[in-house]
Amino acid sequence: MNTLKNVKVGATVKVVKLHGEGPVRRRIMDMGITKGVTIYVRKVAPLGDPIEVTVRGYELSLRRADAEMVEVE
């Protein structure tokens, strides 16, 4: 399974599935990360947390734990 956490800087990926339960999954969906959306990975902090991405035309920072719940292709 390839997750958003493993994507290299500069890559563009498509969301296949969201993992996680309840409020955590809802929060990720509220940020605009839903099945089928395209995500561009802009930056990764030196220690790997957070990851800065562009989703639906705006910039978003995600914790590694949240990025791990987003399955991509």
N, C-alpha and C. Protein backbone atom coordinates (compact mmCIF):
# COMPACT_ATOMS: atom_id res chain seq x y z
N MET A 1 0.85 -1.18 0.00
CA MET A 1 0.00 0.00 0.00
C MET A 1 0.89 1.25 0.00
N ASN A 2 0.66 2.13 -0.96
CA ASN A 2 1.42 3.37 -1.05
C ASN A 2 0.62 4.48 -0.39
N THR A 3 1.22 5.16 0.58
CA THR A 3 0.53 6.23 1.29
C THR A 3 1.17 7.58 0.98
N LEU A 4 0.47 8.64 1.31
CA LEU A 4 0.95 10.00 1.09
C LEU A 4 2.26 10.24 1.84
N LYS A 5 2.46 9.55 2.94
CA LYS A 5 3.67 9.70 3.74
C LYS A 5 4.92 9.31 2.95
N ASN A 6 4.79 8.37 2.02
CA ASN A 6 5.94 7.84 1.27
C ASN A 6 6.22 8.56 -0.04
N VAL A 7 5.39 9.51 -0.43
CA VAL A 7 5.54 10.20 -1.71
C VAL A 7 6.70 11.20 -1.65
N LYS A 8 7.48 11.25 -2.72
CA LYS A 8 8.63 12.16 -2.79
C LYS A 8 8.18 13.58 -3.12
N VAL A 9 9.00 14.56 -2.72
CA VAL A 9 8.74 15.97 -3.01
C VAL A 9 8.70 16.18 -4.51
N GLY A 10 7.71 16.94 -4.98
CA GLY A 10 7.58 17.24 -6.40
C GLY A 10 6.66 16.28 -7.14
N ALA A 11 6.20 15.24 -6.47
CA ALA A 11 5.33 14.26 -7.12
C ALA A 11 3.86 14.67 -7.01
N THR A 12 3.08 14.27 -8.00
CA THR A 12 1.64 14.48 -7.97
C THR A 12 0.99 13.11 -7.94
N VAL A 13 0.08 12.92 -6.99
CA VAL A 13 -0.58 11.62 -6.81
C VAL A 13 -2.09 11.79 -6.73
N LYS A 14 -2.79 10.69 -6.87
CA LYS A 14 -4.25 10.69 -6.80
C LYS A 14 -4.67 9.84 -5.60
N VAL A 15 -5.64 10.34 -4.83
CA VAL A 15 -6.12 9.63 -3.65
C VAL A 15 -6.98 8.45 -4.08
N VAL A 16 -6.66 7.26 -3.54
CA VAL A 16 -7.41 6.05 -3.84
C VAL A 16 -8.41 5.76 -2.72
N LYS A 17 -7.94 5.91 -1.46
CA LYS A 17 -8.78 5.54 -0.33
C LYS A 17 -8.30 6.25 0.93
N LEU A 18 -9.24 6.55 1.83
CA LEU A 18 -8.89 7.11 3.14
C LEU A 18 -9.06 6.03 4.19
N HIS A 19 -8.03 5.86 4.99
CA HIS A 19 -8.11 4.92 6.11
C HIS A 19 -8.36 5.73 7.37
N GLY A 20 -8.58 5.07 8.47
CA GLY A 20 -8.84 5.78 9.72
C GLY A 20 -10.31 5.73 10.05
N GLU A 21 -10.62 6.15 11.27
CA GLU A 21 -11.99 6.05 11.77
C GLU A 21 -12.47 7.37 12.35
N GLY A 22 -13.77 7.55 12.34
CA GLY A 22 -14.44 8.63 13.04
C GLY A 22 -13.92 10.02 12.80
N PRO A 23 -13.65 10.76 13.89
CA PRO A 23 -13.29 12.18 13.79
C PRO A 23 -12.01 12.44 12.99
N VAL A 24 -11.05 11.54 13.05
CA VAL A 24 -9.79 11.73 12.33
C VAL A 24 -10.05 11.68 10.83
N ARG A 25 -10.80 10.69 10.39
CA ARG A 25 -11.14 10.56 8.97
C ARG A 25 -11.97 11.77 8.51
N ARG A 26 -12.90 12.20 9.33
CA ARG A 26 -13.76 13.34 9.02
C ARG A 26 -12.92 14.61 8.85
N ARG A 27 -11.93 14.80 9.72
CA ARG A 27 -11.06 15.98 9.66
C ARG A 27 -10.26 16.01 8.36
N ILE A 28 -9.75 14.86 7.96
CA ILE A 28 -8.99 14.77 6.70
C ILE A 28 -9.90 15.11 5.52
N MET A 29 -11.13 14.60 5.55
CA MET A 29 -12.09 14.90 4.47
C MET A 29 -12.47 16.38 4.47
N ASP A 30 -12.60 16.97 5.64
CA ASP A 30 -12.93 18.40 5.75
C ASP A 30 -11.83 19.29 5.17
N MET A 31 -10.59 18.79 5.17
CA MET A 31 -9.47 19.53 4.60
C MET A 31 -9.47 19.47 3.07
N GLY A 32 -10.38 18.69 2.50
CA GLY A 32 -10.48 18.60 1.05
C GLY A 32 -9.84 17.36 0.46
N ILE A 33 -9.32 16.48 1.31
CA ILE A 33 -8.69 15.25 0.82
C ILE A 33 -9.76 14.16 0.76
N THR A 34 -10.25 13.92 -0.45
CA THR A 34 -11.28 12.90 -0.66
C THR A 34 -10.84 11.98 -1.80
N LYS A 35 -11.53 10.88 -1.97
CA LYS A 35 -11.21 9.92 -3.00
C LYS A 35 -11.24 10.58 -4.38
N GLY A 36 -10.19 10.35 -5.17
CA GLY A 36 -10.13 10.87 -6.53
C GLY A 36 -9.45 12.22 -6.68
N VAL A 37 -9.20 12.93 -5.59
CA VAL A 37 -8.58 14.26 -5.68
C VAL A 37 -7.07 14.12 -5.94
N THR A 38 -6.51 15.09 -6.65
CA THR A 38 -5.08 15.10 -6.96
C THR A 38 -4.34 15.92 -5.91
N ILE A 39 -3.21 15.38 -5.45
CA ILE A 39 -2.39 16.05 -4.43
C ILE A 39 -0.97 16.21 -4.95
N TYR A 40 -0.43 17.42 -4.84
CA TYR A 40 0.95 17.70 -5.20
C TYR A 40 1.76 17.90 -3.92
N VAL A 41 2.84 17.14 -3.76
CA VAL A 41 3.68 17.25 -2.56
C VAL A 41 4.70 18.36 -2.78
N ARG A 42 4.56 19.46 -2.01
CA ARG A 42 5.42 20.63 -2.17
C ARG A 42 6.72 20.53 -1.38
N LYS A 43 6.61 20.22 -0.10
CA LYS A 43 7.79 20.19 0.77
C LYS A 43 7.60 19.14 1.86
N VAL A 44 8.73 18.68 2.40
CA VAL A 44 8.71 17.85 3.59
C VAL A 44 9.71 18.48 4.56
N ALA A 45 9.30 18.68 5.79
CA ALA A 45 10.19 19.28 6.80
C ALA A 45 11.44 18.41 6.99
N PRO A 46 12.54 19.00 7.44
CA PRO A 46 13.80 18.26 7.60
C PRO A 46 13.67 16.96 8.40
N LEU A 47 12.85 16.94 9.41
CA LEU A 47 12.69 15.72 10.20
C LEU A 47 11.51 14.88 9.72
N GLY A 48 10.90 15.30 8.60
CA GLY A 48 9.82 14.52 8.00
C GLY A 48 8.42 14.86 8.47
N ASP A 49 8.30 15.79 9.38
CA ASP A 49 6.98 16.13 9.90
C ASP A 49 6.90 17.64 10.11
N PRO A 50 6.04 18.38 9.50
CA PRO A 50 4.91 17.99 8.64
C PRO A 50 5.27 17.91 7.16
N ILE A 51 4.28 17.52 6.38
CA ILE A 51 4.39 17.44 4.92
C ILE A 51 3.49 18.54 4.36
N GLU A 52 4.03 19.35 3.47
CA GLU A 52 3.23 20.42 2.87
C GLU A 52 2.78 19.99 1.48
N VAL A 53 1.48 20.05 1.25
CA VAL A 53 0.90 19.62 -0.02
C VAL A 53 -0.02 20.70 -0.59
N THR A 54 -0.33 20.58 -1.88
CA THR A 54 -1.32 21.44 -2.52
C THR A 54 -2.50 20.56 -2.89
N VAL A 55 -3.68 20.94 -2.38
CA VAL A 55 -4.91 20.20 -2.62
C VAL A 55 -5.98 21.19 -3.05
N ARG A 56 -6.62 20.92 -4.18
CA ARG A 56 -7.72 21.76 -4.67
C ARG A 56 -7.34 23.25 -4.74
N GLY A 57 -6.07 23.53 -5.06
CA GLY A 57 -5.65 24.91 -5.25
C GLY A 57 -5.19 25.63 -4.00
N TYR A 58 -5.13 24.97 -2.86
CA TYR A 58 -4.61 25.64 -1.67
C TYR A 58 -3.56 24.78 -0.98
N GLU A 59 -2.72 25.42 -0.18
CA GLU A 59 -1.63 24.73 0.50
C GLU A 59 -2.09 24.23 1.85
N LEU A 60 -1.61 23.05 2.21
CA LEU A 60 -2.03 22.38 3.43
C LEU A 60 -0.84 21.67 4.04
N SER A 61 -0.71 21.74 5.35
CA SER A 61 0.34 20.99 6.04
C SER A 61 -0.31 19.83 6.80
N LEU A 62 0.26 18.65 6.62
CA LEU A 62 -0.28 17.43 7.26
C LEU A 62 0.77 16.80 8.14
N ARG A 63 0.34 16.29 9.27
CA ARG A 63 1.24 15.49 10.10
C ARG A 63 1.49 14.16 9.40
N ARG A 64 2.63 13.55 9.69
CA ARG A 64 2.95 12.24 9.10
C ARG A 64 1.89 11.21 9.42
N ALA A 65 1.37 11.24 10.65
CA ALA A 65 0.36 10.27 11.07
C ALA A 65 -0.90 10.40 10.21
N ASP A 66 -1.27 11.63 9.86
CA ASP A 66 -2.45 11.85 9.01
C ASP A 66 -2.15 11.44 7.57
N ALA A 67 -0.95 11.76 7.09
CA ALA A 67 -0.56 11.42 5.72
C ALA A 67 -0.53 9.90 5.52
N GLU A 68 -0.23 9.17 6.58
CA GLU A 68 -0.18 7.72 6.50
C GLU A 68 -1.56 7.10 6.25
N MET A 69 -2.60 7.83 6.58
CA MET A 69 -3.96 7.31 6.40
C MET A 69 -4.52 7.54 5.00
N VAL A 70 -3.76 8.26 4.15
CA VAL A 70 -4.21 8.58 2.80
C VAL A 70 -3.51 7.65 1.82
N GLU A 71 -4.26 6.70 1.25
CA GLU A 71 -3.69 5.77 0.26
C GLU A 71 -3.74 6.44 -1.11
N VAL A 72 -2.60 6.40 -1.83
CA VAL A 72 -2.50 7.09 -3.11
C VAL A 72 -1.96 6.15 -4.20
N GLU A 73 -2.11 6.61 -5.46
CA GLU A 73 -1.52 5.88 -6.59
C GLU A 73 -0.75 6.83 -7.48
